PDB file of N, CA and C in Angstrom:
ATOM      1  N   MET A   1      91.311 -13.748 203.819  1.00  0.00           N
ATOM      2  CA  MET A   1      92.702 -13.468 203.908  1.00  0.00           C
ATOM      3  C   MET A   1      93.337 -13.515 202.495  1.00  0.00           C
ATOM      4  N   ILE A   2      94.202 -12.550 202.282  1.00  0.00           N
ATOM      5  CA  ILE A   2      94.890 -12.512 200.967  1.00  0.00           C
ATOM      6  C   ILE A   2      96.386 -12.577 201.179  1.00  0.00           C
ATOM      7  N   LYS A   3      97.097 -13.169 200.210  1.00  0.00           N
ATOM      8  CA  LYS A   3      98.554 -13.268 200.296  1.00  0.00           C
ATOM      9  C   LYS A   3      99.164 -12.138 199.496  1.00  0.00           C
ATOM     10  N   VAL A   4     100.074 -11.398 200.137  1.00  0.00           N
ATOM     11  CA  VAL A   4     100.769 -10.258 199.458  1.00  0.00           C
ATOM     12  C   VAL A   4     102.289 -10.492 199.758  1.00  0.00           C
ATOM     13  N   LYS A   5     103.061  -9.617 199.080  1.00  0.00           N
ATOM     14  CA  LYS A   5     104.527  -9.792 199.188  1.00  0.00           C
ATOM     15  C   LYS A   5     105.161  -8.425 199.572  1.00  0.00           C
ATOM     16  N   ARG A   6     105.963  -8.467 200.591  1.00  0.00           N
ATOM     17  CA  ARG A   6     106.715  -7.286 200.997  1.00  0.00           C
ATOM     18  C   ARG A   6     107.796  -6.919 199.982  1.00  0.00           C
ATOM     19  N   LEU A   7     108.454  -5.776 200.132  1.00  0.00           N
ATOM     20  CA  LEU A   7     109.491  -5.335 199.221  1.00  0.00           C
ATOM     21  C   LEU A   7     110.694  -6.324 199.243  1.00  0.00           C
ATOM     22  N   ASN A   8     110.896  -7.040 200.356  1.00  0.00           N
ATOM     23  CA  ASN A   8     111.990  -7.991 200.459  1.00  0.00           C
ATOM     24  C   ASN A   8     111.592  -9.371 199.892  1.00  0.00           C
ATOM     25  N   ASP A   9     110.483  -9.464 199.181  1.00  0.00           N
ATOM     26  CA  ASP A   9     109.995 -10.665 198.550  1.00  0.00           C
ATOM     27  C   ASP A   9     109.418 -11.742 199.504  1.00  0.00           C
ATOM     28  N   LYS A  10     109.257 -11.395 200.761  1.00  0.00           N
ATOM     29  CA  LYS A  10     108.652 -12.344 201.742  1.00  0.00           C
ATOM     30  C   LYS A  10     107.157 -12.226 201.660  1.00  0.00           C
ATOM     31  N   GLU A  11     106.503 -13.353 201.516  1.00  0.00           N
ATOM     32  CA  GLU A  11     105.032 -13.381 201.424  1.00  0.00           C
ATOM     33  C   GLU A  11     104.429 -13.406 202.869  1.00  0.00           C
ATOM     34  N   PHE A  12     103.265 -12.819 203.000  1.00  0.00           N
ATOM     35  CA  PHE A  12     102.526 -12.909 204.243  1.00  0.00           C
ATOM     36  C   PHE A  12     101.043 -12.743 203.898  1.00  0.00           C
ATOM     37  N   VAL A  13     100.248 -12.945 204.880  1.00  0.00           N
ATOM     38  CA  VAL A  13      98.762 -12.925 204.659  1.00  0.00           C
ATOM     39  C   VAL A  13      98.152 -11.761 205.459  1.00  0.00           C
ATOM     40  N   VAL A  14      97.236 -11.044 204.779  1.00  0.00           N
ATOM     41  CA  VAL A  14      96.543  -9.937 205.370  1.00  0.00           C
ATOM     42  C   VAL A  14      95.049 -10.268 205.431  1.00  0.00           C
ATOM     43  N   ASN A  15      94.435  -9.946 206.557  1.00  0.00           N
ATOM     44  CA  ASN A  15      92.988 -10.079 206.671  1.00  0.00           C
ATOM     45  C   ASN A  15      92.365  -8.950 205.869  1.00  0.00           C
ATOM     46  N   SER A  16      91.741  -9.314 204.726  1.00  0.00           N
ATOM     47  CA  SER A  16      91.181  -8.308 203.850  1.00  0.00           C
ATOM     48  C   SER A  16      90.061  -7.490 204.449  1.00  0.00           C
ATOM     49  N   GLU A  17      89.440  -8.024 205.519  1.00  0.00           N
ATOM     50  CA  GLU A  17      88.390  -7.299 206.211  1.00  0.00           C
ATOM     51  C   GLU A  17      88.933  -6.074 206.979  1.00  0.00           C
ATOM     52  N   LEU A  18      90.236  -6.102 207.203  1.00  0.00           N
ATOM     53  CA  LEU A  18      90.879  -4.955 207.938  1.00  0.00           C
ATOM     54  C   LEU A  18      91.490  -3.886 207.031  1.00  0.00           C
ATOM     55  N   ILE A  19      91.382  -4.072 205.750  1.00  0.00           N
ATOM     56  CA  ILE A  19      91.936  -3.084 204.795  1.00  0.00           C
ATOM     57  C   ILE A  19      91.028  -1.875 204.744  1.00  0.00           C
ATOM     58  N   LEU A  20      91.614  -0.723 205.071  1.00  0.00           N
ATOM     59  CA  LEU A  20      90.827   0.511 205.026  1.00  0.00           C
ATOM     60  C   LEU A  20      90.949   1.135 203.630  1.00  0.00           C
ATOM     61  N   PHE A  21      92.182   1.219 203.113  1.00  0.00           N
ATOM     62  CA  PHE A  21      92.387   1.636 201.752  1.00  0.00           C
ATOM     63  C   PHE A  21      93.797   1.254 201.278  1.00  0.00           C
ATOM     64  N   VAL A  22      93.950   1.277 199.938  1.00  0.00           N
ATOM     65  CA  VAL A  22      95.203   0.910 199.263  1.00  0.00           C
ATOM     66  C   VAL A  22      95.597   2.039 198.358  1.00  0.00           C
ATOM     67  N   GLU A  23      96.853   2.428 198.349  1.00  0.00           N
ATOM     68  CA  GLU A  23      97.279   3.517 197.487  1.00  0.00           C
ATOM     69  C   GLU A  23      98.692   3.233 196.922  1.00  0.00           C
ATOM     70  N   GLU A  24      98.961   3.817 195.739  1.00  0.00           N
ATOM     71  CA  GLU A  24     100.304   3.718 195.142  1.00  0.00           C
ATOM     72  C   GLU A  24     101.000   5.049 195.246  1.00  0.00           C
ATOM     73  N   THR A  25     102.167   5.051 195.906  1.00  0.00           N
ATOM     74  CA  THR A  25     102.816   6.330 196.207  1.00  0.00           C
ATOM     75  C   THR A  25     104.300   6.377 195.975  1.00  0.00           C
ATOM     76  N   PRO A  26     105.030   5.873 195.029  1.00  0.00           N
ATOM     77  CA  PRO A  26     104.659   4.934 193.987  1.00  0.00           C
ATOM     78  C   PRO A  26     104.601   3.529 194.434  1.00  0.00           C
ATOM     79  N   ASP A  27     105.200   3.162 195.607  1.00  0.00           N
ATOM     80  CA  ASP A  27     105.039   1.824 196.144  1.00  0.00           C
ATOM     81  C   ASP A  27     103.595   1.652 196.604  1.00  0.00           C
ATOM     82  N   THR A  28     103.124   0.451 196.630  1.00  0.00           N
ATOM     83  CA  THR A  28     101.751   0.179 197.103  1.00  0.00           C
ATOM     84  C   THR A  28     101.719   0.115 198.635  1.00  0.00           C
ATOM     85  N   VAL A  29     100.883   0.942 199.213  1.00  0.00           N
ATOM     86  CA  VAL A  29     100.736   0.991 200.669  1.00  0.00           C
ATOM     87  C   VAL A  29      99.340   0.553 201.092  1.00  0.00           C
ATOM     88  N   ILE A  30      99.250  -0.472 201.892  1.00  0.00           N
ATOM     89  CA  ILE A  30      97.957  -0.964 202.442  1.00  0.00           C
ATOM     90  C   ILE A  30      97.830  -0.340 203.824  1.00  0.00           C
ATOM     91  N   THR A  31      96.731   0.415 204.069  1.00  0.00           N
ATOM     92  CA  THR A  31      96.450   0.952 205.371  1.00  0.00           C
ATOM     93  C   THR A  31      95.312   0.165 205.982  1.00  0.00           C
ATOM     94  N   LEU A  32      95.544  -0.331 207.207  1.00  0.00           N
ATOM     95  CA  LEU A  32      94.535  -1.149 207.906  1.00  0.00           C
ATOM     96  C   LEU A  32      93.722  -0.303 208.785  1.00  0.00           C
ATOM     97  N   THR A  33      92.625  -0.823 209.268  1.00  0.00           N
ATOM     98  CA  THR A  33      91.678  -0.072 210.064  1.00  0.00           C
ATOM     99  C   THR A  33      92.296   0.382 211.388  1.00  0.00           C
ATOM    100  N   ASN A  34      93.386  -0.272 211.799  1.00  0.00           N
ATOM    101  CA  ASN A  34      94.026   0.100 213.114  1.00  0.00           C
ATOM    102  C   ASN A  34      95.096   1.155 212.852  1.00  0.00           C
ATOM    103  N   GLY A  35      95.271   1.617 211.611  1.00  0.00           N
ATOM    104  CA  GLY A  35      96.234   2.651 211.248  1.00  0.00           C
ATOM    105  C   GLY A  35      97.577   2.127 210.818  1.00  0.00           C
ATOM    106  N   GLN A  36      97.808   0.827 210.965  1.00  0.00           N
ATOM    107  CA  GLN A  36      99.038   0.211 210.501  1.00  0.00           C
ATOM    108  C   GLN A  36      99.173   0.319 208.994  1.00  0.00           C
ATOM    109  N   LYS A  37     100.350   0.620 208.536  1.00  0.00           N
ATOM    110  CA  LYS A  37     100.592   0.706 207.079  1.00  0.00           C
ATOM    111  C   LYS A  37     101.596  -0.364 206.665  1.00  0.00           C
ATOM    112  N   ILE A  38     101.316  -1.032 205.544  1.00  0.00           N
ATOM    113  CA  ILE A  38     102.159  -2.066 205.025  1.00  0.00           C
ATOM    114  C   ILE A  38     102.524  -1.750 203.596  1.00  0.00           C
ATOM    115  N   VAL A  39     103.801  -1.766 203.243  1.00  0.00           N
ATOM    116  CA  VAL A  39     104.267  -1.526 201.915  1.00  0.00           C
ATOM    117  C   VAL A  39     104.504  -2.890 201.252  1.00  0.00           C
ATOM    118  N   VAL A  40     103.907  -3.056 200.044  1.00  0.00           N
ATOM    119  CA  VAL A  40     103.963  -4.303 199.334  1.00  0.00           C
ATOM    120  C   VAL A  40     104.333  -4.086 197.891  1.00  0.00           C
ATOM    121  N   VAL A  41     104.749  -5.161 197.210  1.00  0.00           N
ATOM    122  CA  VAL A  41     105.113  -5.041 195.778  1.00  0.00           C
ATOM    123  C   VAL A  41     103.899  -5.260 194.888  1.00  0.00           C
ATOM    124  N   ASP A  42     102.826  -5.839 195.424  1.00  0.00           N
ATOM    125  CA  ASP A  42     101.627  -6.052 194.628  1.00  0.00           C
ATOM    126  C   ASP A  42     101.000  -4.720 194.219  1.00  0.00           C
ATOM    127  N   SER A  43     100.449  -4.629 193.025  1.00  0.00           N
ATOM    128  CA  SER A  43      99.832  -3.384 192.616  1.00  0.00           C
ATOM    129  C   SER A  43      98.450  -3.291 193.220  1.00  0.00           C
ATOM    130  N   VAL A  44      97.890  -2.051 193.175  1.00  0.00           N
ATOM    131  CA  VAL A  44      96.538  -1.852 193.707  1.00  0.00           C
ATOM    132  C   VAL A  44      95.553  -2.817 192.984  1.00  0.00           C
ATOM    133  N   ASP A  45      95.697  -2.909 191.674  1.00  0.00           N
ATOM    134  CA  ASP A  45      94.764  -3.728 190.900  1.00  0.00           C
ATOM    135  C   ASP A  45      94.887  -5.198 191.269  1.00  0.00           C
ATOM    136  N   GLU A  46      96.112  -5.690 191.554  1.00  0.00           N
ATOM    137  CA  GLU A  46      96.311  -7.083 192.001  1.00  0.00           C
ATOM    138  C   GLU A  46      95.648  -7.274 193.338  1.00  0.00           C
ATOM    139  N   ILE A  47      95.751  -6.311 194.274  1.00  0.00           N
ATOM    140  CA  ILE A  47      95.163  -6.486 195.589  1.00  0.00           C
ATOM    141  C   ILE A  47      93.633  -6.507 195.475  1.00  0.00           C
ATOM    142  N   ILE A  48      93.094  -5.639 194.621  1.00  0.00           N
ATOM    143  CA  ILE A  48      91.641  -5.578 194.421  1.00  0.00           C
ATOM    144  C   ILE A  48      91.172  -6.980 193.896  1.00  0.00           C
ATOM    145  N   LYS A  49      91.903  -7.576 192.925  1.00  0.00           N
ATOM    146  CA  LYS A  49      91.524  -8.833 192.391  1.00  0.00           C
ATOM    147  C   LYS A  49      91.620  -9.937 193.442  1.00  0.00           C
ATOM    148  N   LYS A  50      92.612  -9.918 194.296  1.00  0.00           N
ATOM    149  CA  LYS A  50      92.781 -10.901 195.335  1.00  0.00           C
ATOM    150  C   LYS A  50      91.604 -10.833 196.375  1.00  0.00           C
ATOM    151  N   VAL A  51      91.248  -9.575 196.702  1.00  0.00           N
ATOM    152  CA  VAL A  51      90.121  -9.404 197.656  1.00  0.00           C
ATOM    153  C   VAL A  51      88.821  -9.903 197.052  1.00  0.00           C
ATOM    154  N   ILE A  52      88.574  -9.552 195.798  1.00  0.00           N
ATOM    155  CA  ILE A  52      87.323 -10.014 195.138  1.00  0.00           C
ATOM    156  C   ILE A  52      87.301 -11.534 195.016  1.00  0.00           C
ATOM    157  N   ARG A  53      88.465 -12.127 194.658  1.00  0.00           N
ATOM    158  CA  ARG A  53      88.493 -13.598 194.562  1.00  0.00           C
ATOM    159  C   ARG A  53      88.258 -14.256 195.912  1.00  0.00           C
ATOM    160  N   TYR A  54      88.863 -13.683 196.991  1.00  0.00           N
ATOM    161  CA  TYR A  54      88.702 -14.212 198.319  1.00  0.00           C
ATOM    162  C   TYR A  54      87.217 -14.168 198.745  1.00  0.00           C
ATOM    163  N   LYS A  55      86.582 -12.993 198.560  1.00  0.00           N
ATOM    164  CA  LYS A  55      85.214 -12.817 198.968  1.00  0.00           C
ATOM    165  C   LYS A  55      84.296 -13.733 198.157  1.00  0.00           C
ATOM    166  N   ALA A  56      84.583 -13.930 196.853  1.00  0.00           N
ATOM    167  CA  ALA A  56      83.750 -14.819 196.066  1.00  0.00           C
ATOM    168  C   ALA A  56      83.875 -16.262 196.547  1.00  0.00           C
ATOM    169  N   GLU A  57      85.089 -16.642 196.954  1.00  0.00           N
ATOM    170  CA  GLU A  57      85.272 -18.027 197.533  1.00  0.00           C
ATOM    171  C   GLU A  57      84.433 -18.178 198.781  1.00  0.00           C
ATOM    172  N   ILE A  58      84.455 -17.182 199.656  1.00  0.00           N
ATOM    173  CA  ILE A  58      83.710 -17.255 200.910  1.00  0.00           C
ATOM    174  C   ILE A  58      82.203 -17.411 200.639  1.00  0.00           C
ATOM    175  N   HIS A  59      81.721 -16.581 199.700  1.00  0.00           N
ATOM    176  CA  HIS A  59      80.290 -16.618 199.433  1.00  0.00           C
ATOM    177  C   HIS A  59      79.869 -17.947 198.769  1.00  0.00           C
ATOM    178  N   ASN A  60      80.700 -18.481 197.928  1.00  0.00           N
ATOM    179  CA  ASN A  60      80.416 -19.780 197.289  1.00  0.00           C
ATOM    180  C   ASN A  60      80.428 -20.876 198.322  1.00  0.00           C
ATOM    181  N   PHE A  61      81.348 -20.811 199.253  1.00  0.00           N
ATOM    182  CA  PHE A  61      81.443 -21.815 200.320  1.00  0.00           C
ATOM    183  C   PHE A  61      80.188 -21.767 201.205  1.00  0.00           C
ATOM    184  N   GLU A  62      79.704 -20.584 201.490  1.00  0.00           N
ATOM    185  CA  GLU A  62      78.538 -20.440 202.383  1.00  0.00           C
ATOM    186  C   GLU A  62      77.293 -20.947 201.749  1.00  0.00           C
ATOM    187  N   ARG A  63      77.228 -20.903 200.395  1.00  0.00           N
ATOM    188  CA  ARG A  63      76.008 -21.341 199.690  1.00  0.00           C
ATOM    189  C   ARG A  63      75.885 -22.866 199.597  1.00  0.00           C
ATOM    190  N   ARG A  64      76.954 -23.560 199.711  1.00  0.00           N
ATOM    191  CA  ARG A  64      76.945 -25.020 199.574  1.00  0.00           C
ATOM    192  C   ARG A  64      76.217 -25.729 200.656  1.00  0.00           C
TER     193      ARG A  64
END
């Protein structure tokens, strides 16, 4: 799960496993595997970093 922020500055959490793709149009739009689209203030690069950090935490936790 990653924390992102809507255009109204409210934070919420997205299951990163459900992200199909992310694009900047110029706002950042996250498209989920179910077709739902979410517009956020986070940049594509920020979202990528959050997903990588989240997956790294999961894999480190599983190794312990």
